[in-house]
Amino acid sequence: MLKFFKNNKGSMLIDVIVSIGIIVLLSTISIPFFKKYQPNLKLNGAARELATDLRYAQQLTVTEQKIHQVVFDINNNQYQILKIDTATTTIKTVTLDSEINIKEITGLTDNKVIFNYYGGVAYSGQIILSNINNLTITINVKPSGYIQLE
């Protein structure tokens, strides 16, 4: 038995090569899955960012007692947070990723979410985002100002 252990030169190299081969094989199998799932991750991220920006505009309205609104531009696939005072000030502009689209906006007048001083909205509605896999996420804006992701 000692003879067997003494003559194993090069076995470590074979172990390393086999291990690298297994890693390459698993990577090759999993890459298409990750590429297919990536647009869904981008959609979830964009929806969360939009919901956060809506809540931010709401918070600014309540704390500053100045009207803030979020205006959606479907043609350019972007939205802006605006402060309405003696002059209109752009707080933030967000252009969505090329794989994410504003699919539909319902219930909102002129594609705007306008917050009042109490945090509510002038008109409730829905913003529907979609990706290249035709997966959609709906952001509901309730009359009370509650922002809900579906």
N, C-alpha and C. Protein backbone atom coordinates (compact mmCIF):
# COMPACT_ATOMS: atom_id res chain seq x y z
N MET A 1 0.82 -1.19 0.00
CA MET A 1 0.00 0.00 0.00
C MET A 1 0.86 1.25 0.00
N LEU A 2 1.98 1.25 0.64
CA LEU A 2 2.86 2.41 0.64
C LEU A 2 3.39 2.69 -0.75
N LYS A 3 3.57 1.67 -1.53
CA LYS A 3 4.05 1.84 -2.89
C LYS A 3 3.07 2.68 -3.72
N PHE A 4 1.80 2.48 -3.49
CA PHE A 4 0.77 3.22 -4.23
C PHE A 4 0.85 4.73 -3.93
N PHE A 5 1.03 5.08 -2.68
CA PHE A 5 1.09 6.50 -2.30
C PHE A 5 2.38 7.16 -2.74
N LYS A 6 3.45 6.42 -2.87
CA LYS A 6 4.72 7.00 -3.28
C LYS A 6 4.74 7.34 -4.76
N ASN A 7 3.97 6.68 -5.57
CA ASN A 7 4.06 6.85 -7.02
C ASN A 7 2.83 7.58 -7.58
N ASN A 8 2.44 8.70 -6.99
CA ASN A 8 1.28 9.44 -7.49
C ASN A 8 1.69 10.83 -8.00
N LYS A 9 2.83 10.91 -8.63
CA LYS A 9 3.30 12.18 -9.18
C LYS A 9 2.38 12.59 -10.33
N GLY A 10 1.99 13.86 -10.34
CA GLY A 10 1.14 14.36 -11.42
C GLY A 10 -0.34 14.22 -11.16
N SER A 11 -0.73 13.52 -10.11
CA SER A 11 -2.16 13.36 -9.85
C SER A 11 -2.81 14.68 -9.46
N MET A 12 -2.07 15.56 -8.84
CA MET A 12 -2.63 16.86 -8.48
C MET A 12 -2.95 17.67 -9.75
N LEU A 13 -2.11 17.58 -10.74
CA LEU A 13 -2.35 18.28 -12.01
C LEU A 13 -3.62 17.75 -12.67
N ILE A 14 -3.82 16.46 -12.65
CA ILE A 14 -5.03 15.87 -13.22
C ILE A 14 -6.26 16.32 -12.45
N ASP A 15 -6.17 16.38 -11.13
CA ASP A 15 -7.29 16.86 -10.31
C ASP A 15 -7.65 18.30 -10.66
N VAL A 16 -6.66 19.14 -10.84
CA VAL A 16 -6.90 20.55 -11.18
C VAL A 16 -7.55 20.65 -12.56
N ILE A 17 -7.07 19.91 -13.52
CA ILE A 17 -7.63 19.95 -14.88
C ILE A 17 -9.07 19.47 -14.88
N VAL A 18 -9.38 18.40 -14.15
CA VAL A 18 -10.75 17.90 -14.06
C VAL A 18 -11.64 18.94 -13.39
N SER A 19 -11.16 19.57 -12.33
CA SER A 19 -11.94 20.60 -11.64
C SER A 19 -12.24 21.78 -12.56
N ILE A 20 -11.25 22.24 -13.29
CA ILE A 20 -11.45 23.35 -14.24
C ILE A 20 -12.44 22.94 -15.32
N GLY A 21 -12.34 21.71 -15.79
CA GLY A 21 -13.29 21.23 -16.80
C GLY A 21 -14.72 21.24 -16.30
N ILE A 22 -14.93 20.83 -15.07
CA ILE A 22 -16.28 20.84 -14.48
C ILE A 22 -16.79 22.28 -14.35
N ILE A 23 -15.94 23.19 -13.91
CA ILE A 23 -16.35 24.60 -13.78
C ILE A 23 -16.72 25.18 -15.14
N VAL A 24 -15.93 24.90 -16.16
CA VAL A 24 -16.23 25.40 -17.51
C VAL A 24 -17.55 24.83 -18.01
N LEU A 25 -17.78 23.56 -17.79
CA LEU A 25 -19.02 22.92 -18.23
C LEU A 25 -20.23 23.54 -17.55
N LEU A 26 -20.17 23.73 -16.23
CA LEU A 26 -21.28 24.34 -15.50
C LEU A 26 -21.51 25.79 -15.94
N SER A 27 -20.44 26.52 -16.19
CA SER A 27 -20.57 27.91 -16.65
C SER A 27 -21.23 27.96 -18.02
N THR A 28 -20.84 27.07 -18.91
CA THR A 28 -21.42 27.03 -20.25
C THR A 28 -22.91 26.73 -20.20
N ILE A 29 -23.31 25.87 -19.31
CA ILE A 29 -24.73 25.53 -19.18
C ILE A 29 -25.53 26.67 -18.56
N SER A 30 -24.95 27.39 -17.61
CA SER A 30 -25.72 28.41 -16.87
C SER A 30 -25.75 29.78 -17.53
N ILE A 31 -24.84 30.11 -18.42
CA ILE A 31 -24.81 31.45 -19.03
C ILE A 31 -26.09 31.77 -19.79
N PRO A 32 -26.64 30.88 -20.61
CA PRO A 32 -27.91 31.23 -21.29
C PRO A 32 -29.05 31.53 -20.32
N PHE A 33 -29.09 30.82 -19.19
CA PHE A 33 -30.12 31.09 -18.19
C PHE A 33 -29.98 32.50 -17.65
N PHE A 34 -28.76 32.90 -17.32
CA PHE A 34 -28.55 34.24 -16.77
C PHE A 34 -28.86 35.32 -17.79
N LYS A 35 -28.53 35.08 -19.06
CA LYS A 35 -28.83 36.08 -20.10
C LYS A 35 -30.34 36.24 -20.28
N LYS A 36 -31.09 35.15 -20.15
CA LYS A 36 -32.53 35.24 -20.28
C LYS A 36 -33.15 35.94 -19.08
N TYR A 37 -32.59 35.75 -17.91
CA TYR A 37 -33.14 36.30 -16.68
C TYR A 37 -32.74 37.77 -16.46
N GLN A 38 -31.68 38.23 -17.11
CA GLN A 38 -31.18 39.58 -16.90
C GLN A 38 -32.22 40.67 -17.22
N PRO A 39 -32.98 40.60 -18.33
CA PRO A 39 -34.00 41.64 -18.56
C PRO A 39 -35.06 41.69 -17.46
N ASN A 40 -35.38 40.55 -16.87
CA ASN A 40 -36.35 40.54 -15.76
C ASN A 40 -35.79 41.25 -14.54
N LEU A 41 -34.50 41.07 -14.28
CA LEU A 41 -33.86 41.78 -13.17
C LEU A 41 -33.85 43.29 -13.43
N LYS A 42 -33.58 43.67 -14.67
CA LYS A 42 -33.59 45.10 -15.02
C LYS A 42 -34.98 45.69 -14.84
N LEU A 43 -36.01 44.94 -15.23
CA LEU A 43 -37.39 45.42 -15.08
C LEU A 43 -37.73 45.61 -13.60
N ASN A 44 -37.39 44.64 -12.78
CA ASN A 44 -37.64 44.77 -11.33
C ASN A 44 -36.91 45.97 -10.75
N GLY A 45 -35.68 46.17 -11.17
CA GLY A 45 -34.90 47.31 -10.68
C GLY A 45 -35.50 48.64 -11.11
N ALA A 46 -35.93 48.72 -12.37
CA ALA A 46 -36.54 49.96 -12.87
C ALA A 46 -37.85 50.26 -12.16
N ALA A 47 -38.64 49.23 -11.90
CA ALA A 47 -39.92 49.43 -11.20
C ALA A 47 -39.70 49.89 -9.77
N ARG A 48 -38.73 49.29 -9.10
CA ARG A 48 -38.41 49.73 -7.73
C ARG A 48 -37.89 51.16 -7.71
N GLU A 49 -37.06 51.51 -8.69
CA GLU A 49 -36.54 52.88 -8.76
C GLU A 49 -37.67 53.88 -9.01
N LEU A 50 -38.60 53.53 -9.90
CA LEU A 50 -39.73 54.42 -10.17
C LEU A 50 -40.59 54.59 -8.92
N ALA A 51 -40.89 53.50 -8.23
CA ALA A 51 -41.69 53.59 -7.00
C ALA A 51 -40.98 54.46 -5.96
N THR A 52 -39.68 54.30 -5.85
CA THR A 52 -38.90 55.12 -4.91
C THR A 52 -38.94 56.59 -5.30
N ASP A 53 -38.83 56.88 -6.59
CA ASP A 53 -38.88 58.27 -7.05
C ASP A 53 -40.26 58.88 -6.83
N LEU A 54 -41.31 58.09 -7.01
CA LEU A 54 -42.66 58.60 -6.72
C LEU A 54 -42.79 58.94 -5.24
N ARG A 55 -42.28 58.08 -4.38
CA ARG A 55 -42.32 58.35 -2.93
C ARG A 55 -41.46 59.55 -2.56
N TYR A 56 -40.35 59.72 -3.28
CA TYR A 56 -39.47 60.87 -3.04
C TYR A 56 -40.19 62.17 -3.38
N ALA A 57 -40.86 62.20 -4.53
CA ALA A 57 -41.62 63.40 -4.93
C ALA A 57 -42.73 63.68 -3.92
N GLN A 58 -43.36 62.64 -3.44
CA GLN A 58 -44.41 62.78 -2.43
C GLN A 58 -43.84 63.38 -1.14
N GLN A 59 -42.70 62.87 -0.72
CA GLN A 59 -42.06 63.36 0.50
C GLN A 59 -41.65 64.83 0.35
N LEU A 60 -41.10 65.19 -0.81
CA LEU A 60 -40.71 66.58 -1.04
C LEU A 60 -41.92 67.51 -0.97
N THR A 61 -43.06 67.07 -1.52
CA THR A 61 -44.27 67.89 -1.48
C THR A 61 -44.72 68.14 -0.05
N VAL A 62 -44.72 67.10 0.75
CA VAL A 62 -45.18 67.23 2.14
C VAL A 62 -44.22 68.08 2.96
N THR A 63 -42.92 67.85 2.82
CA THR A 63 -41.96 68.56 3.66
C THR A 63 -41.76 70.01 3.24
N GLU A 64 -41.76 70.28 1.93
CA GLU A 64 -41.53 71.64 1.46
C GLU A 64 -42.82 72.44 1.29
N GLN A 65 -43.95 71.75 1.30
CA GLN A 65 -45.26 72.37 1.04
C GLN A 65 -45.27 73.10 -0.30
N LYS A 66 -44.63 72.47 -1.28
CA LYS A 66 -44.61 72.92 -2.68
C LYS A 66 -45.04 71.73 -3.53
N ILE A 67 -45.85 72.00 -4.54
CA ILE A 67 -46.34 70.93 -5.41
C ILE A 67 -45.17 70.31 -6.18
N HIS A 68 -45.10 68.99 -6.13
CA HIS A 68 -44.15 68.22 -6.94
C HIS A 68 -44.95 67.25 -7.79
N GLN A 69 -44.44 66.98 -8.95
CA GLN A 69 -45.11 66.03 -9.84
C GLN A 69 -44.08 65.18 -10.57
N VAL A 70 -44.52 64.02 -10.98
CA VAL A 70 -43.70 63.13 -11.79
C VAL A 70 -44.37 63.07 -13.16
N VAL A 71 -43.63 63.49 -14.18
CA VAL A 71 -44.17 63.58 -15.55
C VAL A 71 -43.51 62.49 -16.39
N PHE A 72 -44.34 61.71 -17.07
CA PHE A 72 -43.86 60.60 -17.89
C PHE A 72 -43.86 60.99 -19.36
N ASP A 73 -42.75 60.70 -20.03
CA ASP A 73 -42.61 60.92 -21.47
C ASP A 73 -42.47 59.55 -22.12
N ILE A 74 -43.59 59.03 -22.62
CA ILE A 74 -43.59 57.67 -23.18
C ILE A 74 -42.73 57.59 -24.44
N ASN A 75 -42.75 58.65 -25.26
CA ASN A 75 -41.99 58.62 -26.51
C ASN A 75 -40.48 58.52 -26.28
N ASN A 76 -39.98 59.21 -25.27
CA ASN A 76 -38.54 59.18 -24.98
C ASN A 76 -38.19 58.18 -23.88
N ASN A 77 -39.19 57.45 -23.39
CA ASN A 77 -38.98 56.41 -22.39
C ASN A 77 -38.29 56.96 -21.14
N GLN A 78 -38.82 58.07 -20.64
CA GLN A 78 -38.23 58.68 -19.46
C GLN A 78 -39.29 59.35 -18.60
N TYR A 79 -38.89 59.75 -17.41
CA TYR A 79 -39.77 60.52 -16.53
C TYR A 79 -38.94 61.55 -15.78
N GLN A 80 -39.63 62.59 -15.30
CA GLN A 80 -38.98 63.67 -14.57
C GLN A 80 -39.73 63.97 -13.29
N ILE A 81 -38.99 64.34 -12.26
CA ILE A 81 -39.59 64.87 -11.04
C ILE A 81 -39.45 66.39 -11.13
N LEU A 82 -40.59 67.08 -11.08
CA LEU A 82 -40.60 68.53 -11.21
C LEU A 82 -41.15 69.17 -9.95
N LYS A 83 -40.58 70.31 -9.59
CA LYS A 83 -41.08 71.13 -8.49
C LYS A 83 -41.81 72.32 -9.12
N ILE A 84 -43.08 72.49 -8.75
CA ILE A 84 -43.89 73.57 -9.30
C ILE A 84 -43.95 74.68 -8.26
N ASP A 85 -43.32 75.79 -8.57
CA ASP A 85 -43.31 76.96 -7.70
C ASP A 85 -43.52 78.16 -8.61
N THR A 86 -42.92 79.28 -8.30
CA THR A 86 -43.02 80.43 -9.21
C THR A 86 -42.41 80.07 -10.56
N ALA A 87 -41.44 79.18 -10.54
CA ALA A 87 -40.87 78.62 -11.77
C ALA A 87 -40.81 77.11 -11.60
N THR A 88 -40.87 76.40 -12.71
CA THR A 88 -40.79 74.94 -12.67
C THR A 88 -39.32 74.52 -12.63
N THR A 89 -38.98 73.70 -11.65
CA THR A 89 -37.61 73.23 -11.47
C THR A 89 -37.57 71.72 -11.65
N THR A 90 -36.62 71.26 -12.46
CA THR A 90 -36.44 69.81 -12.63
C THR A 90 -35.55 69.30 -11.50
N ILE A 91 -36.10 68.39 -10.72
CA ILE A 91 -35.36 67.79 -9.61
C ILE A 91 -34.53 66.61 -10.10
N LYS A 92 -35.13 65.79 -10.95
CA LYS A 92 -34.46 64.57 -11.42
C LYS A 92 -35.07 64.13 -12.74
N THR A 93 -34.22 63.67 -13.65
CA THR A 93 -34.67 63.07 -14.91
C THR A 93 -34.10 61.66 -14.99
N VAL A 94 -34.97 60.71 -15.31
CA VAL A 94 -34.56 59.30 -15.42
C VAL A 94 -34.95 58.79 -16.79
N THR A 95 -33.97 58.29 -17.54
CA THR A 95 -34.22 57.62 -18.81
C THR A 95 -34.11 56.12 -18.55
N LEU A 96 -35.15 55.39 -18.90
CA LEU A 96 -35.17 53.95 -18.65
C LEU A 96 -34.22 53.23 -19.60
N ASP A 97 -33.77 52.08 -19.18
CA ASP A 97 -32.90 51.22 -19.98
C ASP A 97 -33.58 50.89 -21.31
N SER A 98 -32.77 50.64 -22.33
CA SER A 98 -33.33 50.35 -23.66
C SER A 98 -34.17 49.08 -23.68
N GLU A 99 -33.97 48.18 -22.72
CA GLU A 99 -34.75 46.94 -22.65
C GLU A 99 -36.05 47.11 -21.86
N ILE A 100 -36.26 48.29 -21.26
CA ILE A 100 -37.45 48.56 -20.45
C ILE A 100 -38.27 49.64 -21.14
N ASN A 101 -39.58 49.44 -21.21
CA ASN A 101 -40.48 50.41 -21.83
C ASN A 101 -41.61 50.78 -20.90
N ILE A 102 -42.07 52.03 -21.03
CA ILE A 102 -43.32 52.42 -20.38
C ILE A 102 -44.41 51.95 -21.32
N LYS A 103 -45.05 50.85 -20.96
CA LYS A 103 -46.02 50.22 -21.85
C LYS A 103 -47.33 50.99 -21.88
N GLU A 104 -47.82 51.39 -20.70
CA GLU A 104 -49.13 52.03 -20.64
C GLU A 104 -49.25 52.83 -19.36
N ILE A 105 -49.98 53.94 -19.46
CA ILE A 105 -50.31 54.75 -18.29
C ILE A 105 -51.81 54.96 -18.31
N THR A 106 -52.48 54.57 -17.23
CA THR A 106 -53.93 54.72 -17.17
C THR A 106 -54.32 55.54 -15.95
N GLY A 107 -55.37 56.33 -16.11
CA GLY A 107 -55.94 57.08 -15.00
C GLY A 107 -55.28 58.41 -14.69
N LEU A 108 -54.10 58.64 -15.19
CA LEU A 108 -53.38 59.88 -14.90
C LEU A 108 -53.66 60.91 -15.99
N THR A 109 -53.91 62.14 -15.59
CA THR A 109 -54.14 63.21 -16.55
C THR A 109 -52.81 63.70 -17.08
N ASP A 110 -52.68 63.76 -18.39
CA ASP A 110 -51.46 64.22 -19.07
C ASP A 110 -50.21 63.45 -18.63
N ASN A 111 -50.38 62.19 -18.26
CA ASN A 111 -49.26 61.34 -17.84
C ASN A 111 -48.47 61.95 -16.69
N LYS A 112 -49.18 62.54 -15.72
CA LYS A 112 -48.54 63.18 -14.57
C LYS A 112 -49.11 62.62 -13.27
N VAL A 113 -48.22 62.40 -12.32
CA VAL A 113 -48.63 62.11 -10.95
C VAL A 113 -48.36 63.38 -10.16
N ILE A 114 -49.44 64.04 -9.71
CA ILE A 114 -49.32 65.32 -9.01
C ILE A 114 -49.69 65.11 -7.55
N PHE A 115 -48.75 65.39 -6.66
CA PHE A 115 -48.98 65.20 -5.23
C PHE A 115 -49.48 66.49 -4.59
N ASN A 116 -50.44 66.35 -3.64
CA ASN A 116 -50.90 67.52 -2.89
C ASN A 116 -50.12 67.63 -1.59
N TYR A 117 -50.39 68.67 -0.82
CA TYR A 117 -49.62 68.95 0.40
C TYR A 117 -49.76 67.87 1.47
N TYR A 118 -50.77 67.03 1.38
CA TYR A 118 -51.00 65.97 2.36
C TYR A 118 -50.41 64.63 1.92
N GLY A 119 -49.81 64.59 0.72
CA GLY A 119 -49.21 63.36 0.22
C GLY A 119 -50.12 62.57 -0.70
N GLY A 120 -51.36 63.01 -0.86
CA GLY A 120 -52.28 62.35 -1.78
C GLY A 120 -52.00 62.80 -3.21
N VAL A 121 -52.74 62.23 -4.14
CA VAL A 121 -52.56 62.60 -5.55
C VAL A 121 -53.85 63.19 -6.10
N ALA A 122 -53.69 64.02 -7.12
CA ALA A 122 -54.86 64.61 -7.77
C ALA A 122 -55.66 63.53 -8.50
N TYR A 123 -54.97 62.64 -9.21
CA TYR A 123 -55.61 61.55 -9.94
C TYR A 123 -54.83 60.27 -9.69
N SER A 124 -55.54 59.23 -9.31
CA SER A 124 -54.89 57.93 -9.13
C SER A 124 -54.76 57.26 -10.49
N GLY A 125 -53.88 56.28 -10.56
CA GLY A 125 -53.71 55.59 -11.84
C GLY A 125 -52.68 54.48 -11.74
N GLN A 126 -52.30 54.00 -12.92
CA GLN A 126 -51.34 52.91 -13.02
C GLN A 126 -50.28 53.24 -14.06
N ILE A 127 -49.05 52.84 -13.76
CA ILE A 127 -47.96 52.91 -14.72
C ILE A 127 -47.52 51.47 -14.95
N ILE A 128 -47.53 51.03 -16.20
CA ILE A 128 -47.16 49.65 -16.52
C ILE A 128 -45.84 49.67 -17.29
N LEU A 129 -44.85 49.00 -16.73
CA LEU A 129 -43.55 48.86 -17.37
C LEU A 129 -43.44 47.45 -17.95
N SER A 130 -42.74 47.32 -19.08
CA SER A 130 -42.53 46.00 -19.68
C SER A 130 -41.09 45.88 -20.15
N ASN A 131 -40.68 44.63 -20.39
CA ASN A 131 -39.33 44.40 -20.89
C ASN A 131 -39.39 43.63 -22.20
N ILE A 132 -38.22 43.25 -22.73
CA ILE A 132 -38.18 42.58 -24.03
C ILE A 132 -38.73 41.16 -23.97
N ASN A 133 -38.89 40.61 -22.77
CA ASN A 133 -39.50 39.28 -22.61
C ASN A 133 -41.01 39.37 -22.44
N ASN A 134 -41.58 40.57 -22.63
CA ASN A 134 -43.02 40.86 -22.46
C ASN A 134 -43.51 40.62 -21.03
N LEU A 135 -42.62 40.66 -20.08
CA LEU A 135 -43.00 40.62 -18.67
C LEU A 135 -43.37 42.04 -18.27
N THR A 136 -44.43 42.20 -17.48
CA THR A 136 -44.86 43.53 -17.07
C THR A 136 -44.90 43.65 -15.55
N ILE A 137 -44.70 44.87 -15.09
CA ILE A 137 -44.87 45.21 -13.67
C ILE A 137 -45.73 46.46 -13.64
N THR A 138 -46.73 46.45 -12.77
CA THR A 138 -47.65 47.57 -12.64
C THR A 138 -47.36 48.31 -11.34
N ILE A 139 -47.26 49.63 -11.46
CA ILE A 139 -47.12 50.49 -10.28
C ILE A 139 -48.45 51.20 -10.11
N ASN A 140 -49.14 50.91 -9.02
CA ASN A 140 -50.43 51.55 -8.72
C ASN A 140 -50.20 52.77 -7.85
N VAL A 141 -50.86 53.87 -8.21
CA VAL A 141 -50.83 55.07 -7.39
C VAL A 141 -52.26 55.28 -6.89
N LYS A 142 -52.45 55.10 -5.59
CA LYS A 142 -53.78 55.21 -4.98
C LYS A 142 -54.10 56.68 -4.67
N PRO A 143 -55.39 57.03 -4.51
CA PRO A 143 -55.77 58.42 -4.21
C PRO A 143 -55.09 58.97 -2.94
N SER A 144 -54.82 58.10 -1.99
CA SER A 144 -54.17 58.53 -0.75
C SER A 144 -52.68 58.82 -0.93
N GLY A 145 -52.15 58.44 -2.11
CA GLY A 145 -50.72 58.60 -2.36
C GLY A 145 -49.94 57.32 -2.15
N TYR A 146 -50.63 56.25 -1.78
CA TYR A 146 -49.97 54.96 -1.57
C TYR A 146 -49.45 54.43 -2.90
N ILE A 147 -48.17 54.06 -2.94
CA ILE A 147 -47.53 53.53 -4.15
C ILE A 147 -47.36 52.03 -3.96
N GLN A 148 -47.90 51.24 -4.91
CA GLN A 148 -47.89 49.79 -4.77
C GLN A 148 -47.34 49.15 -6.04
N LEU A 149 -46.40 48.23 -5.86
CA LEU A 149 -45.85 47.45 -6.97
C LEU A 149 -46.62 46.14 -7.10
N GLU A 150 -46.99 45.79 -8.32
CA GLU A 150 -47.66 44.50 -8.57
C GLU A 150 -46.87 43.73 -9.59
